[in-house]
Amino acid sequence: ADVSWYPSQQKALYRIDDRVSVNTYGNGLYDFTGFRSTLSLALAVIRSTEELQEATRDANGKCISAKLINATLAGSGYGLTNNGIFSGYPIVGFHNRMQSSGTCLDSLDDQMITSCPWDSRIKGEFLHQTTFSISLSFIKNFIEDVQKLIDLEPKALCGLEQYNGILMRYVTSSSAYLGKTDDAVDFDITYYRSKDPLTPRLFEDILEEIEQIGLFKYGGLPHWGKNRNVGFVGAIDKYNKADKFLKVKDEYDPRGLFSNEWTNQVLGLKEGITILKDGCALEGLCICSQDSHCAPTKSYFCRPGKIYKEARVCRGDVKTKEQNDSRDEL
């Protein structure tokens, strides 16, 4: 199984995969809606709407958009089809078609009338990802911490739900030198990123606190390809066989042909994974230790976490659109 968790909606979607006999009838396909070519104009409208919601601090608008997106995906089976159409569950098909996830690779050459959502040549998605694995022994505690944050800011994670929530996947421990040290759950978190690196996002502090709770309070292991710089702070020290990995790495690649400055920083062989400069915490280049690492000119300052006091996050003194509207009514 895997789980899509919508914390602000207090809902979770469970997907269960199972094996059936090879002669079971069905020609199922998983062509995930979010990984298909889409009209470039539609992608631009979606991005523009999200930018407006961020600029106007419209938390309520984000929650409405998230519910609409989630309902649309659910009604269309998330791109799952059985014999060419979605007519309900279960969906039966061969592994190579069911474990695929989108057809952007087969996009039409149509002068960008349609595009993959992440194509940098159009106005489409631009986002951050934070992904880590937490040992099963800490999963309950981590989930409860996120729920406590939602109790304090009920609409804080609607922005994640616009990207289909927090994806949770089960992974097993491995004897590989940089494998999972315990049976664990992967948390895959996708969220809005501004084109201006000095512009904070709505509920910036909540997202940063969740990131630091997962990575540091519960010792989450980072996904090597889906994280901001802070995800790799002290990462190599979390693996008890890291020294064996580095030894084998040197034996097979003594001249560093397959290494570069970034991989050396990620593996703790070189300084520089944390970059201290104005606004660095907004892009995940650092954990803030002073206000200049946030956006003080936009009323975002470095503050302790709400429930994880060891966290240091960029918290805004600005109000959301909904709070401003309530103040105007008063």
C-alpha atoms as a PDB file:
ATOM      1  CA  ALA A   1       0.000   0.000   0.000  1.00  0.00           C
ATOM      2  CA  ASP A   2       0.873   3.646  -0.169  1.00  0.00           C
ATOM      3  CA  VAL A   3      -0.939   6.616   1.336  1.00  0.00           C
ATOM      4  CA  SER A   4      -1.692  10.154   0.186  1.00  0.00           C
ATOM      5  CA  TRP A   5      -2.237  12.227   3.319  1.00  0.00           C
ATOM      6  CA  TYR A   6      -4.197  15.492   3.263  1.00  0.00           C
ATOM      7  CA  PRO A   7      -3.515  16.920   6.748  1.00  0.00           C
ATOM      8  CA  SER A   8      -5.554  20.129   6.435  1.00  0.00           C
ATOM      9  CA  GLN A   9      -8.566  18.122   5.212  1.00  0.00           C
ATOM     10  CA  GLN A  10      -7.962  15.484   7.913  1.00  0.00           C
ATOM     11  CA  LYS A  11      -8.153  12.782   5.249  1.00  0.00           C
ATOM     12  CA  ALA A  12      -5.930  10.024   3.909  1.00  0.00           C
ATOM     13  CA  LEU A  13      -6.213   8.065   0.670  1.00  0.00           C
ATOM     14  CA  TYR A  14      -4.992   4.459   0.749  1.00  0.00           C
ATOM     15  CA  ARG A  15      -3.938   2.644  -2.413  1.00  0.00           C
ATOM     16  CA  ILE A  16      -3.432  -1.103  -2.120  1.00  0.00           C
ATOM     17  CA  ASP A  17      -1.511  -3.047  -4.779  1.00  0.00           C
ATOM     18  CA  ASP A  18      -1.744  -6.828  -4.930  1.00  0.00           C
ATOM     19  CA  ARG A  19      -0.798  -9.673  -7.239  1.00  0.00           C
ATOM     20  CA  VAL A  20      -3.312 -11.702  -9.205  1.00  0.00           C
ATOM     21  CA  SER A  21      -2.948 -14.672 -11.528  1.00  0.00           C
ATOM     22  CA  VAL A  22      -1.366 -13.850 -14.884  1.00  0.00           C
ATOM     23  CA  ASN A  23      -4.482 -15.068 -16.711  1.00  0.00           C
ATOM     24  CA  THR A  24      -6.788 -12.648 -14.870  1.00  0.00           C
ATOM     25  CA  TYR A  25      -8.625 -10.506 -17.425  1.00  0.00           C
ATOM     26  CA  GLY A  26      -7.643  -6.820 -17.677  1.00  0.00           C
ATOM     27  CA  ASN A  27      -5.485  -4.379 -19.608  1.00  0.00           C
ATOM     28  CA  GLY A  28      -4.950  -1.790 -16.877  1.00  0.00           C
ATOM     29  CA  LEU A  29      -2.720   1.254 -17.288  1.00  0.00           C
ATOM     30  CA  TYR A  30      -1.509   3.839 -14.779  1.00  0.00           C
ATOM     31  CA  ASP A  31      -1.038   7.078 -16.710  1.00  0.00           C
ATOM     32  CA  PHE A  32      -0.949   9.498 -13.785  1.00  0.00           C
ATOM     33  CA  THR A  33      -2.781  12.725 -14.637  1.00  0.00           C
ATOM     34  CA  GLY A  34      -0.067  14.981 -13.226  1.00  0.00           C
ATOM     35  CA  PHE A  35       2.625  13.362 -15.372  1.00  0.00           C
ATOM     36  CA  ARG A  36       0.899  13.810 -18.736  1.00  0.00           C
ATOM     37  CA  SER A  37       1.344  16.486 -21.362  1.00  0.00           C
ATOM     38  CA  THR A  38      -1.165  19.241 -20.661  1.00  0.00           C
ATOM     39  CA  LEU A  39      -2.270  22.365 -22.510  1.00  0.00           C
ATOM     40  CA  SER A  40       0.423  24.946 -21.835  1.00  0.00           C
ATOM     41  CA  LEU A  41      -2.239  27.631 -21.409  1.00  0.00           C
ATOM     42  CA  ALA A  42      -3.957  25.579 -18.706  1.00  0.00           C
ATOM     43  CA  LEU A  43      -0.654  25.107 -16.874  1.00  0.00           C
ATOM     44  CA  ALA A  44      -0.012  28.865 -17.028  1.00  0.00           C
ATOM     45  CA  VAL A  45      -3.452  29.586 -15.560  1.00  0.00           C
ATOM     46  CA  ILE A  46      -2.859  27.123 -12.710  1.00  0.00           C
ATOM     47  CA  ARG A  47       0.528  28.649 -11.915  1.00  0.00           C
ATOM     48  CA  SER A  48      -0.823  32.208 -12.126  1.00  0.00           C
ATOM     49  CA  THR A  49      -3.633  31.305  -9.739  1.00  0.00           C
ATOM     50  CA  GLU A  50      -1.167  29.886  -7.237  1.00  0.00           C
ATOM     51  CA  GLU A  51       1.071  32.961  -7.536  1.00  0.00           C
ATOM     52  CA  LEU A  52      -1.936  35.191  -6.847  1.00  0.00           C
ATOM     53  CA  GLN A  53      -2.912  33.103  -3.827  1.00  0.00           C
ATOM     54  CA  GLU A  54       0.615  33.483  -2.480  1.00  0.00           C
ATOM     55  CA  ALA A  55       0.795  37.213  -3.176  1.00  0.00           C
ATOM     56  CA  THR A  56      -2.552  37.904  -1.479  1.00  0.00           C
ATOM     57  CA  ARG A  57      -1.930  35.381   1.354  1.00  0.00           C
ATOM     58  CA  ASP A  58      -5.129  33.629   0.340  1.00  0.00           C
ATOM     59  CA  ALA A  59      -5.085  30.501   2.528  1.00  0.00           C
ATOM     60  CA  ASN A  60      -8.777  29.879   1.991  1.00  0.00           C
ATOM     61  CA  GLY A  61      -8.313  29.993  -1.787  1.00  0.00           C
ATOM     62  CA  LYS A  62      -5.552  27.392  -1.546  1.00  0.00           C
ATOM     63  CA  CYS A  63      -7.833  25.087   0.429  1.00  0.00           C
ATOM     64  CA  ILE A  64     -10.637  25.451  -2.116  1.00  0.00           C
ATOM     65  CA  SER A  65      -8.214  24.762  -4.982  1.00  0.00           C
ATOM     66  CA  ALA A  66      -6.813  21.709  -3.175  1.00  0.00           C
ATOM     67  CA  LYS A  67     -10.262  20.193  -2.660  1.00  0.00           C
ATOM     68  CA  LEU A  68     -11.144  20.808  -6.320  1.00  0.00           C
ATOM     69  CA  ILE A  69      -7.906  19.213  -7.534  1.00  0.00           C
ATOM     70  CA  ASN A  70      -8.277  16.230  -5.198  1.00  0.00           C
ATOM     71  CA  ALA A  71     -11.907  15.670  -6.242  1.00  0.00           C
ATOM     72  CA  THR A  72     -10.982  15.874  -9.943  1.00  0.00           C
ATOM     73  CA  LEU A  73      -8.161  13.358  -9.550  1.00  0.00           C
ATOM     74  CA  ALA A  74     -10.335  10.986  -7.537  1.00  0.00           C
ATOM     75  CA  GLY A  75     -13.189  11.196 -10.054  1.00  0.00           C
ATOM     76  CA  SER A  76     -10.858  10.304 -12.918  1.00  0.00           C
ATOM     77  CA  GLY A  77      -9.121   7.473 -11.065  1.00  0.00           C
ATOM     78  CA  TYR A  78      -5.820   9.417 -10.898  1.00  0.00           C
ATOM     79  CA  GLY A  79      -5.106   8.326 -14.474  1.00  0.00           C
ATOM     80  CA  LEU A  80      -5.808   4.617 -13.889  1.00  0.00           C
ATOM     81  CA  THR A  81      -7.783   2.905 -16.643  1.00  0.00           C
ATOM     82  CA  ASN A  82      -9.018  -0.631 -17.119  1.00  0.00           C
ATOM     83  CA  ASN A  83      -9.290  -1.598 -20.780  1.00  0.00           C
ATOM     84  CA  GLY A  84      -9.046   2.029 -21.886  1.00  0.00           C
ATOM     85  CA  ILE A  85     -11.498   3.685 -19.483  1.00  0.00           C
ATOM     86  CA  PHE A  86     -11.860   4.236 -15.760  1.00  0.00           C
ATOM     87  CA  SER A  87     -14.960   2.410 -14.643  1.00  0.00           C
ATOM     88  CA  GLY A  88     -14.098   1.848 -11.012  1.00  0.00           C
ATOM     89  CA  TYR A  89     -11.806  -0.379  -9.009  1.00  0.00           C
ATOM     90  CA  PRO A  90     -10.049  -2.765  -9.057  1.00  0.00           C
ATOM     91  CA  ILE A  91      -7.782  -2.012 -11.974  1.00  0.00           C
ATOM     92  CA  VAL A  92      -6.103  -5.139 -13.356  1.00  0.00           C
ATOM     93  CA  GLY A  93      -3.066  -5.102 -15.619  1.00  0.00           C
ATOM     94  CA  PHE A  94       0.518  -6.141 -16.132  1.00  0.00           C
ATOM     95  CA  HIS A  95       3.256  -4.783 -13.883  1.00  0.00           C
ATOM     96  CA  ASN A  96       5.033  -2.783 -16.608  1.00  0.00           C
ATOM     97  CA  ARG A  97       1.826  -0.833 -17.295  1.00  0.00           C
ATOM     98  CA  MET A  98       0.534  -0.534 -13.746  1.00  0.00           C
ATOM     99  CA  GLN A  99       3.814   0.718 -12.274  1.00  0.00           C
ATOM    100  CA  SER A 100       4.320   3.335 -14.966  1.00  0.00           C
ATOM    101  CA  SER A 101       3.179   6.787 -13.988  1.00  0.00           C
ATOM    102  CA  GLY A 102       2.778   9.115 -16.941  1.00  0.00           C
ATOM    103  CA  THR A 103       3.220   9.690 -20.669  1.00  0.00           C
ATOM    104  CA  CYS A 104       5.227  12.926 -20.786  1.00  0.00           C
ATOM    105  CA  LEU A 105       8.043  10.942 -22.403  1.00  0.00           C
ATOM    106  CA  ASP A 106       5.766  10.518 -25.415  1.00  0.00           C
ATOM    107  CA  SER A 107       4.758  14.193 -25.663  1.00  0.00           C
ATOM    108  CA  LEU A 108       3.692  15.550 -29.023  1.00  0.00           C
ATOM    109  CA  ASP A 109       6.002  17.894 -30.926  1.00  0.00           C
ATOM    110  CA  ASP A 110       3.333  20.585 -31.262  1.00  0.00           C
ATOM    111  CA  GLN A 111       5.260  23.868 -30.781  1.00  0.00           C
ATOM    112  CA  MET A 112       4.574  23.790 -27.031  1.00  0.00           C
ATOM    113  CA  ILE A 113       0.796  23.837 -27.363  1.00  0.00           C
ATOM    114  CA  THR A 114       1.011  21.022 -24.835  1.00  0.00           C
ATOM    115  CA  SER A 115       3.827  20.513 -22.365  1.00  0.00           C
ATOM    116  CA  CYS A 116       4.936  18.534 -19.361  1.00  0.00           C
ATOM    117  CA  PRO A 117       3.930  20.495 -16.239  1.00  0.00           C
ATOM    118  CA  TRP A 118       7.567  21.003 -15.174  1.00  0.00           C
ATOM    119  CA  ASP A 119       8.940  22.099 -18.564  1.00  0.00           C
ATOM    120  CA  SER A 120      11.013  25.223 -17.864  1.00  0.00           C
ATOM    121  CA  ARG A 121      10.224  26.658 -21.297  1.00  0.00           C
ATOM    122  CA  ILE A 122       6.643  27.444 -20.273  1.00  0.00           C
ATOM    123  CA  LYS A 123       4.960  29.005 -17.266  1.00  0.00           C
ATOM    124  CA  GLY A 124       4.247  25.824 -15.379  1.00  0.00           C
ATOM    125  CA  GLU A 125       5.176  24.137 -12.132  1.00  0.00           C
ATOM    126  CA  PHE A 126       8.049  25.480 -10.056  1.00  0.00           C
ATOM    127  CA  LEU A 127       8.377  23.776  -6.725  1.00  0.00           C
ATOM    128  CA  HIS A 128      10.425  22.464  -3.836  1.00  0.00           C
ATOM    129  CA  GLN A 129      10.494  18.870  -2.657  1.00  0.00           C
ATOM    130  CA  THR A 130      11.403  17.563   0.777  1.00  0.00           C
ATOM    131  CA  THR A 131      11.590  13.780   1.109  1.00  0.00           C
ATOM    132  CA  PHE A 132      12.855  11.689   4.004  1.00  0.00           C
ATOM    133  CA  SER A 133      12.415   8.233   5.538  1.00  0.00           C
ATOM    134  CA  ILE A 134      11.529   7.878   9.202  1.00  0.00           C
ATOM    135  CA  SER A 135      11.924   4.648  11.164  1.00  0.00           C
ATOM    136  CA  LEU A 136       8.645   2.858  11.886  1.00  0.00           C
ATOM    137  CA  SER A 137       9.296   3.281  15.608  1.00  0.00           C
ATOM    138  CA  PHE A 138       8.919   7.079  15.239  1.00  0.00           C
ATOM    139  CA  ILE A 139       6.115   7.263  12.656  1.00  0.00           C
ATOM    140  CA  LYS A 140       3.299   7.754  15.158  1.00  0.00           C
ATOM    141  CA  ASN A 141       5.205  10.569  16.888  1.00  0.00           C
ATOM    142  CA  PHE A 142       5.990  12.351  13.618  1.00  0.00           C
ATOM    143  CA  ILE A 143       2.386  12.183  12.418  1.00  0.00           C
ATOM    144  CA  GLU A 144       1.139  13.466  15.760  1.00  0.00           C
ATOM    145  CA  ASP A 145       3.586  16.393  15.598  1.00  0.00           C
ATOM    146  CA  VAL A 146       2.276  17.368  12.161  1.00  0.00           C
ATOM    147  CA  GLN A 147      -1.290  17.102  13.474  1.00  0.00           C
ATOM    148  CA  LYS A 148      -0.396  19.418  16.374  1.00  0.00           C
ATOM    149  CA  LEU A 149       0.851  21.998  13.892  1.00  0.00           C
ATOM    150  CA  ILE A 150      -2.377  21.657  11.925  1.00  0.00           C
ATOM    151  CA  ASP A 151      -4.365  22.191  15.126  1.00  0.00           C
ATOM    152  CA  LEU A 152      -2.520  25.513  15.471  1.00  0.00           C
ATOM    153  CA  GLU A 153      -2.808  26.443  11.753  1.00  0.00           C
ATOM    154  CA  PRO A 154      -5.648  24.386  10.225  1.00  0.00           C
ATOM    155  CA  LYS A 155      -5.114  25.639   6.651  1.00  0.00           C
ATOM    156  CA  ALA A 156      -1.321  25.588   6.690  1.00  0.00           C
ATOM    157  CA  LEU A 157      -0.893  22.526   4.467  1.00  0.00           C
ATOM    158  CA  CYS A 158      -3.560  23.202   1.845  1.00  0.00           C
ATOM    159  CA  GLY A 159      -0.666  24.247  -0.380  1.00  0.00           C
ATOM    160  CA  LEU A 160       0.729  20.699  -0.187  1.00  0.00           C
ATOM    161  CA  GLU A 161      -2.692  19.290  -0.966  1.00  0.00           C
ATOM    162  CA  GLN A 162      -2.689  21.199  -4.250  1.00  0.00           C
ATOM    163  CA  TYR A 163       0.113  18.744  -5.136  1.00  0.00           C
ATOM    164  CA  ASN A 164      -1.959  15.755  -3.997  1.00  0.00           C
ATOM    165  CA  GLY A 165      -0.874  15.814  -0.369  1.00  0.00           C
ATOM    166  CA  ILE A 166       1.987  14.085   1.411  1.00  0.00           C
ATOM    167  CA  LEU A 167       2.852  10.795  -0.270  1.00  0.00           C
ATOM    168  CA  MET A 168       3.734   8.024   2.199  1.00  0.00           C
ATOM    169  CA  ARG A 169       5.442   4.841   1.010  1.00  0.00           C
ATOM    170  CA  TYR A 170       6.660   1.855   2.977  1.00  0.00           C
ATOM    171  CA  VAL A 171      10.321   0.844   2.576  1.00  0.00           C
ATOM    172  CA  THR A 172      12.294  -1.971   4.160  1.00  0.00           C
ATOM    173  CA  SER A 173      15.703  -1.958   5.782  1.00  0.00           C
ATOM    174  CA  SER A 174      18.679  -2.841   3.618  1.00  0.00           C
ATOM    175  CA  SER A 175      22.189  -4.170   4.080  1.00  0.00           C
ATOM    176  CA  ALA A 176      23.445  -1.715   1.442  1.00  0.00           C
ATOM    177  CA  TYR A 177      25.994   0.685   2.891  1.00  0.00           C
ATOM    178  CA  LEU A 178      23.705   3.661   2.271  1.00  0.00           C
ATOM    179  CA  GLY A 179      20.474   1.678   2.512  1.00  0.00           C
ATOM    180  CA  LYS A 180      17.653   2.257   4.986  1.00  0.00           C
ATOM    181  CA  THR A 181      18.877   1.394   8.457  1.00  0.00           C
ATOM    182  CA  ASP A 182      15.365   0.344   9.629  1.00  0.00           C
ATOM    183  CA  ASP A 183      11.999  -0.492   8.177  1.00  0.00           C
ATOM    184  CA  ALA A 184      10.631   2.957   7.499  1.00  0.00           C
ATOM    185  CA  VAL A 185       8.072   5.183   5.813  1.00  0.00           C
ATOM    186  CA  ASP A 186       9.047   7.667   3.106  1.00  0.00           C
ATOM    187  CA  PHE A 187       7.353  11.070   3.323  1.00  0.00           C
ATOM    188  CA  ASP A 188       7.363  12.866  -0.029  1.00  0.00           C
ATOM    189  CA  ILE A 189       6.375  16.542   0.328  1.00  0.00           C
ATOM    190  CA  THR A 190       5.942  18.850  -2.682  1.00  0.00           C
ATOM    191  CA  TYR A 191       5.197  22.561  -2.339  1.00  0.00           C
ATOM    192  CA  TYR A 192       5.213  25.947  -4.026  1.00  0.00           C
ATOM    193  CA  ARG A 193       8.466  27.709  -4.856  1.00  0.00           C
ATOM    194  CA  SER A 194       8.651  31.359  -5.848  1.00  0.00           C
ATOM    195  CA  LYS A 195      10.630  32.460  -8.882  1.00  0.00           C
ATOM    196  CA  ASP A 196      12.063  35.148  -6.580  1.00  0.00           C
ATOM    197  CA  PRO A 197      14.362  33.397  -4.066  1.00  0.00           C
ATOM    198  CA  LEU A 198      13.835  36.222  -1.563  1.00  0.00           C
ATOM    199  CA  THR A 199      10.041  35.900  -1.485  1.00  0.00           C
ATOM    200  CA  PRO A 200       8.714  33.786   1.413  1.00  0.00           C
ATOM    201  CA  ARG A 201       5.823  31.407   0.847  1.00  0.00           C
ATOM    202  CA  LEU A 202       2.545  31.281   2.735  1.00  0.00           C
ATOM    203  CA  PHE A 203       3.014  29.347   6.019  1.00  0.00           C
ATOM    204  CA  GLU A 204       6.746  29.269   5.431  1.00  0.00           C
ATOM    205  CA  ASP A 205       7.400  28.468   9.090  1.00  0.00           C
ATOM    206  CA  ILE A 206       5.102  25.428   9.227  1.00  0.00           C
ATOM    207  CA  LEU A 207       6.745  23.825   6.215  1.00  0.00           C
ATOM    208  CA  GLU A 208      10.230  24.476   7.589  1.00  0.00           C
ATOM    209  CA  GLU A 209       9.297  23.099  11.001  1.00  0.00           C
ATOM    210  CA  ILE A 210       7.948  19.877   9.465  1.00  0.00           C
ATOM    211  CA  GLU A 211      11.161  19.568   7.455  1.00  0.00           C
ATOM    212  CA  GLN A 212      13.308  19.965  10.585  1.00  0.00           C
ATOM    213  CA  ILE A 213      11.107  17.685  12.714  1.00  0.00           C
ATOM    214  CA  GLY A 214      11.449  14.892  10.166  1.00  0.00           C
ATOM    215  CA  LEU A 215      15.145  15.321   9.461  1.00  0.00           C
ATOM    216  CA  PHE A 216      16.510  16.208  12.887  1.00  0.00           C
ATOM    217  CA  LYS A 217      14.045  15.443  15.673  1.00  0.00           C
ATOM    218  CA  TYR A 218      13.384  11.946  14.288  1.00  0.00           C
ATOM    219  CA  GLY A 219      16.633  11.464  12.361  1.00  0.00           C
ATOM    220  CA  GLY A 220      15.005  11.067   8.954  1.00  0.00           C
ATOM    221  CA  LEU A 221      17.200   9.752   6.143  1.00  0.00           C
ATOM    222  CA  PRO A 222      17.126  12.070   3.116  1.00  0.00           C
ATOM    223  CA  HIS A 223      16.094  11.027  -0.356  1.00  0.00           C
ATOM    224  CA  TRP A 224      19.323  11.590  -2.298  1.00  0.00           C
ATOM    225  CA  GLY A 225      17.567  13.331  -5.192  1.00  0.00           C
ATOM    226  CA  LYS A 226      14.570  15.111  -3.636  1.00  0.00           C
ATOM    227  CA  ASN A 227      15.700  17.623  -1.051  1.00  0.00           C
ATOM    228  CA  ARG A 228      16.887  21.131  -0.477  1.00  0.00           C
ATOM    229  CA  ASN A 229      20.393  21.662   0.914  1.00  0.00           C
ATOM    230  CA  VAL A 230      19.262  21.444   4.554  1.00  0.00           C
ATOM    231  CA  GLY A 231      18.117  17.880   3.932  1.00  0.00           C
ATOM    232  CA  PHE A 232      21.755  16.788   3.682  1.00  0.00           C
ATOM    233  CA  VAL A 233      23.096  18.544   6.788  1.00  0.00           C
ATOM    234  CA  GLY A 234      24.813  15.781   8.775  1.00  0.00           C
ATOM    235  CA  ALA A 235      23.153  13.164   6.556  1.00  0.00           C
ATOM    236  CA  ILE A 236      26.178  10.895   6.128  1.00  0.00           C
ATOM    237  CA  ASP A 237      26.505  10.533   9.904  1.00  0.00           C
ATOM    238  CA  LYS A 238      23.091   8.848  10.028  1.00  0.00           C
ATOM    239  CA  TYR A 239      24.462   5.762   8.232  1.00  0.00           C
ATOM    240  CA  ASN A 240      26.463   3.339  10.383  1.00  0.00           C
ATOM    241  CA  LYS A 241      28.168   1.882   7.297  1.00  0.00           C
ATOM    242  CA  ALA A 242      29.081   5.206   5.703  1.00  0.00           C
ATOM    243  CA  ASP A 243      32.809   4.600   6.213  1.00  0.00           C
ATOM    244  CA  LYS A 244      32.571   1.333   4.257  1.00  0.00           C
ATOM    245  CA  PHE A 245      30.735   3.101   1.452  1.00  0.00           C
ATOM    246  CA  LEU A 246      33.368   5.831   1.228  1.00  0.00           C
ATOM    247  CA  LYS A 247      36.139   3.227   1.221  1.00  0.00           C
ATOM    248  CA  VAL A 248      34.570   1.330  -1.680  1.00  0.00           C
ATOM    249  CA  LYS A 249      33.909   4.618  -3.455  1.00  0.00           C
ATOM    250  CA  ASP A 250      37.626   5.485  -3.276  1.00  0.00           C
ATOM    251  CA  GLU A 251      38.647   1.996  -4.445  1.00  0.00           C
ATOM    252  CA  TYR A 252      36.422   2.045  -7.521  1.00  0.00           C
ATOM    253  CA  ASP A 253      36.825   5.721  -8.362  1.00  0.00           C
ATOM    254  CA  PRO A 254      40.199   6.890  -6.968  1.00  0.00           C
ATOM    255  CA  ARG A 255      40.349   9.902  -9.287  1.00  0.00           C
ATOM    256  CA  GLY A 256      36.839  11.105  -8.457  1.00  0.00           C
ATOM    257  CA  LEU A 257      35.612  10.728 -12.029  1.00  0.00           C
ATOM    258  CA  PHE A 258      32.039  10.193 -10.818  1.00  0.00           C
ATOM    259  CA  SER A 259      32.179  12.857  -8.127  1.00  0.00           C
ATOM    260  CA  ASN A 260      31.748  16.614  -8.178  1.00  0.00           C
ATOM    261  CA  GLU A 261      31.571  19.476  -5.709  1.00  0.00           C
ATOM    262  CA  TRP A 262      27.899  18.802  -4.919  1.00  0.00           C
ATOM    263  CA  THR A 263      28.270  15.067  -4.276  1.00  0.00           C
ATOM    264  CA  ASN A 264      31.302  15.713  -2.074  1.00  0.00           C
ATOM    265  CA  GLN A 265      29.256  18.195  -0.040  1.00  0.00           C
ATOM    266  CA  VAL A 266      26.304  15.800   0.250  1.00  0.00           C
ATOM    267  CA  LEU A 267      28.600  12.987   1.424  1.00  0.00           C
ATOM    268  CA  GLY A 268      30.271  15.220   4.004  1.00  0.00           C
ATOM    269  CA  LEU A 269      33.628  15.224   2.230  1.00  0.00           C
ATOM    270  CA  LYS A 270      33.637  18.946   1.636  1.00  0.00           C
ATOM    271  CA  GLU A 271      32.201  22.041   3.324  1.00  0.00           C
ATOM    272  CA  GLY A 272      29.539  24.123   1.633  1.00  0.00           C
ATOM    273  CA  ILE A 273      26.257  22.228   1.903  1.00  0.00           C
ATOM    274  CA  THR A 274      24.996  25.131   4.032  1.00  0.00           C
ATOM    275  CA  ILE A 275      25.209  28.533   2.354  1.00  0.00           C
ATOM    276  CA  LEU A 276      24.788  31.536   4.655  1.00  0.00           C
ATOM    277  CA  LYS A 277      23.511  34.679   2.971  1.00  0.00           C
ATOM    278  CA  ASP A 278      20.476  36.958   3.008  1.00  0.00           C
ATOM    279  CA  GLY A 279      17.304  34.906   2.508  1.00  0.00           C
ATOM    280  CA  CYS A 280      19.139  31.575   2.519  1.00  0.00           C
ATOM    281  CA  ALA A 281      16.520  29.828   4.685  1.00  0.00           C
ATOM    282  CA  LEU A 282      13.744  30.603   2.179  1.00  0.00           C
ATOM    283  CA  GLU A 283      15.388  28.368  -0.407  1.00  0.00           C
ATOM    284  CA  GLY A 284      16.555  25.749   2.097  1.00  0.00           C
ATOM    285  CA  LEU A 285      20.193  26.728   1.669  1.00  0.00           C
ATOM    286  CA  CYS A 286      20.478  27.119   5.446  1.00  0.00           C
ATOM    287  CA  ILE A 287      18.567  26.881   8.709  1.00  0.00           C
ATOM    288  CA  CYS A 288      18.075  30.434   9.862  1.00  0.00           C
ATOM    289  CA  SER A 289      20.084  31.695  12.806  1.00  0.00           C
ATOM    290  CA  GLN A 290      19.409  35.406  12.286  1.00  0.00           C
ATOM    291  CA  ASP A 291      16.633  37.477  10.781  1.00  0.00           C
ATOM    292  CA  SER A 292      18.580  38.292   7.616  1.00  0.00           C
ATOM    293  CA  HIS A 293      18.429  34.614   6.680  1.00  0.00           C
ATOM    294  CA  CYS A 294      14.661  35.059   6.269  1.00  0.00           C
ATOM    295  CA  ALA A 295      12.966  38.152   4.808  1.00  0.00           C
ATOM    296  CA  PRO A 296      12.880  40.896   7.450  1.00  0.00           C
ATOM    297  CA  THR A 297      11.888  43.547   4.891  1.00  0.00           C
ATOM    298  CA  LYS A 298       8.765  41.469   4.249  1.00  0.00           C
ATOM    299  CA  SER A 299       8.126  40.876   7.976  1.00  0.00           C
ATOM    300  CA  TYR A 300       9.528  37.331   8.086  1.00  0.00           C
ATOM    301  CA  PHE A 301      11.909  36.751  10.990  1.00  0.00           C
ATOM    302  CA  CYS A 302      13.884  33.816  12.387  1.00  0.00           C
ATOM    303  CA  ARG A 303      11.912  32.249  15.238  1.00  0.00           C
ATOM    304  CA  PRO A 304      11.783  28.962  17.215  1.00  0.00           C
ATOM    305  CA  GLY A 305       9.377  26.269  16.076  1.00  0.00           C
ATOM    306  CA  LYS A 306       5.869  26.167  17.495  1.00  0.00           C
ATOM    307  CA  ILE A 307       6.102  22.620  18.879  1.00  0.00           C
ATOM    308  CA  TYR A 308       9.711  21.643  18.110  1.00  0.00           C
ATOM    309  CA  LYS A 309      11.464  24.448  19.938  1.00  0.00           C
ATOM    310  CA  GLU A 310      14.891  23.425  18.624  1.00  0.00           C
ATOM    311  CA  ALA A 311      13.738  24.267  15.103  1.00  0.00           C
ATOM    312  CA  ARG A 312      14.569  27.651  13.639  1.00  0.00           C
ATOM    313  CA  VAL A 313      12.094  28.836  11.046  1.00  0.00           C
ATOM    314  CA  CYS A 314      11.113  31.928   9.085  1.00  0.00           C
ATOM    315  CA  ARG A 315       7.844  33.130  10.591  1.00  0.00           C
ATOM    316  CA  GLY A 316       5.856  35.967   9.085  1.00  0.00           C
ATOM    317  CA  ASP A 317       4.155  38.693  11.072  1.00  0.00           C
ATOM    318  CA  VAL A 318       1.892  39.308   8.077  1.00  0.00           C
ATOM    319  CA  LYS A 319      -1.716  38.142   8.081  1.00  0.00           C
ATOM    320  CA  THR A 320      -3.421  35.815   5.642  1.00  0.00           C
ATOM    321  CA  LYS A 321      -6.177  37.204   3.413  1.00  0.00           C
ATOM    322  CA  GLU A 322      -8.774  35.506   5.579  1.00  0.00           C
ATOM    323  CA  GLN A 323      -7.387  37.098   8.748  1.00  0.00           C
ATOM    324  CA  ASN A 324      -7.302  40.500   7.070  1.00  0.00           C
ATOM    325  CA  ASP A 325     -10.910  40.080   5.925  1.00  0.00           C
ATOM    326  CA  SER A 326     -11.987  39.197   9.472  1.00  0.00           C
ATOM    327  CA  ARG A 327     -10.161  42.234  10.837  1.00  0.00           C
ATOM    328  CA  ASP A 328     -11.906  44.473   8.268  1.00  0.00           C
ATOM    329  CA  GLU A 329     -15.301  43.087   9.329  1.00  0.00           C
ATOM    330  CA  LEU A 330     -14.522  43.892  12.967  1.00  0.00           C
END
